[in-house]
Amino acid sequence: MQGVAALLKRHGWSCQGPARRAIERDENVVVGWVKETWPSVEGPWRRSTPGSSSRTRPDPR
């Protein structure tokens, strides 16, 4: 993220974030979504089997 911040600063911009949380935010709904929906959206961190990083050649094994 530091590279993006430096690039923005070089062009006279700044990193911005929300000033406050939305009044309508329901923490119970957020917690439920994180537990139930997010794991299926996030997906696995690593492949379950080794493979090739090349998109043009198949794994030679």
C-alpha atoms as a PDB file:
ATOM      1  CA  MET A   1       0.000   0.000   0.000  1.00  0.00           C
ATOM      2  CA  GLN A   2       2.946   2.324   0.503  1.00  0.00           C
ATOM      3  CA  GLY A   3       3.572   2.437  -3.240  1.00  0.00           C
ATOM      4  CA  VAL A   4       0.033   3.566  -3.931  1.00  0.00           C
ATOM      5  CA  ALA A   5       0.236   6.220  -1.210  1.00  0.00           C
ATOM      6  CA  ALA A   6       3.508   7.548  -2.657  1.00  0.00           C
ATOM      7  CA  LEU A   7       2.050   7.649  -6.160  1.00  0.00           C
ATOM      8  CA  LEU A   8      -1.036   9.532  -4.982  1.00  0.00           C
ATOM      9  CA  LYS A   9       1.064  11.999  -2.991  1.00  0.00           C
ATOM     10  CA  ARG A  10       3.341  12.621  -5.977  1.00  0.00           C
ATOM     11  CA  HIS A  11       0.308  13.661  -8.018  1.00  0.00           C
ATOM     12  CA  GLY A  12      -1.107  15.876  -5.274  1.00  0.00           C
ATOM     13  CA  TRP A  13      -3.746  13.431  -4.047  1.00  0.00           C
ATOM     14  CA  SER A  14      -4.169  11.833  -0.639  1.00  0.00           C
ATOM     15  CA  CYS A  15      -5.344   8.480   0.677  1.00  0.00           C
ATOM     16  CA  GLN A  16      -8.844   8.859   1.983  1.00  0.00           C
ATOM     17  CA  GLY A  17     -11.053   6.740   4.158  1.00  0.00           C
ATOM     18  CA  PRO A  18     -14.532   7.116   5.526  1.00  0.00           C
ATOM     19  CA  ALA A  19     -14.798   9.805   8.206  1.00  0.00           C
ATOM     20  CA  ARG A  20     -17.316   7.780  10.204  1.00  0.00           C
ATOM     21  CA  ARG A  21     -19.333   4.581  10.085  1.00  0.00           C
ATOM     22  CA  ALA A  22     -22.804   4.659   8.588  1.00  0.00           C
ATOM     23  CA  ILE A  23     -25.585   5.302  11.098  1.00  0.00           C
ATOM     24  CA  GLU A  24     -27.611   2.489   9.506  1.00  0.00           C
ATOM     25  CA  ARG A  25     -24.842  -0.105  10.104  1.00  0.00           C
ATOM     26  CA  ASP A  26     -26.126  -3.135  12.009  1.00  0.00           C
ATOM     27  CA  GLU A  27     -23.197  -4.876  13.732  1.00  0.00           C
ATOM     28  CA  ASN A  28     -25.176  -8.114  14.252  1.00  0.00           C
ATOM     29  CA  VAL A  29     -25.839  -8.396  10.514  1.00  0.00           C
ATOM     30  CA  VAL A  30     -22.183  -7.680   9.737  1.00  0.00           C
ATOM     31  CA  VAL A  31     -20.974 -10.368  12.153  1.00  0.00           C
ATOM     32  CA  GLY A  32     -23.416 -12.898  10.652  1.00  0.00           C
ATOM     33  CA  TRP A  33     -22.305 -12.065   7.118  1.00  0.00           C
ATOM     34  CA  VAL A  34     -18.626 -12.436   8.045  1.00  0.00           C
ATOM     35  CA  LYS A  35     -19.237 -15.861   9.608  1.00  0.00           C
ATOM     36  CA  GLU A  36     -21.609 -17.281   6.982  1.00  0.00           C
ATOM     37  CA  THR A  37     -20.941 -15.600   3.625  1.00  0.00           C
ATOM     38  CA  TRP A  38     -17.351 -14.355   3.689  1.00  0.00           C
ATOM     39  CA  PRO A  39     -15.647 -17.807   3.873  1.00  0.00           C
ATOM     40  CA  SER A  40     -17.267 -18.851   0.583  1.00  0.00           C
ATOM     41  CA  VAL A  41     -16.391 -15.526  -1.066  1.00  0.00           C
ATOM     42  CA  GLU A  42     -12.809 -15.441   0.180  1.00  0.00           C
ATOM     43  CA  GLY A  43     -11.863 -18.887  -1.127  1.00  0.00           C
ATOM     44  CA  PRO A  44      -8.781 -20.933  -0.258  1.00  0.00           C
ATOM     45  CA  TRP A  45      -5.416 -19.258   0.258  1.00  0.00           C
ATOM     46  CA  ARG A  46      -3.408 -22.020  -1.388  1.00  0.00           C
ATOM     47  CA  ARG A  47      -3.976 -24.622  -4.044  1.00  0.00           C
ATOM     48  CA  SER A  48      -4.836 -28.044  -2.711  1.00  0.00           C
ATOM     49  CA  THR A  49      -2.480 -29.691  -5.214  1.00  0.00           C
ATOM     50  CA  PRO A  50       0.820 -28.501  -6.655  1.00  0.00           C
ATOM     51  CA  GLY A  51       0.634 -27.141 -10.174  1.00  0.00           C
ATOM     52  CA  SER A  52       2.313 -24.981 -12.764  1.00  0.00           C
ATOM     53  CA  SER A  53       2.249 -21.190 -12.611  1.00  0.00           C
ATOM     54  CA  SER A  54       2.338 -21.087 -16.419  1.00  0.00           C
ATOM     55  CA  ARG A  55      -0.970 -20.517 -18.171  1.00  0.00           C
ATOM     56  CA  THR A  56       0.351 -21.803 -21.500  1.00  0.00           C
ATOM     57  CA  ARG A  57       2.104 -25.026 -20.488  1.00  0.00           C
ATOM     58  CA  PRO A  58       0.593 -27.809 -18.407  1.00  0.00           C
ATOM     59  CA  ASP A  59       2.390 -29.132 -15.337  1.00  0.00           C
ATOM     60  CA  PRO A  60       5.142 -31.517 -16.599  1.00  0.00           C
ATOM     61  CA  ARG A  61       4.569 -34.041 -13.770  1.00  0.00           C
END
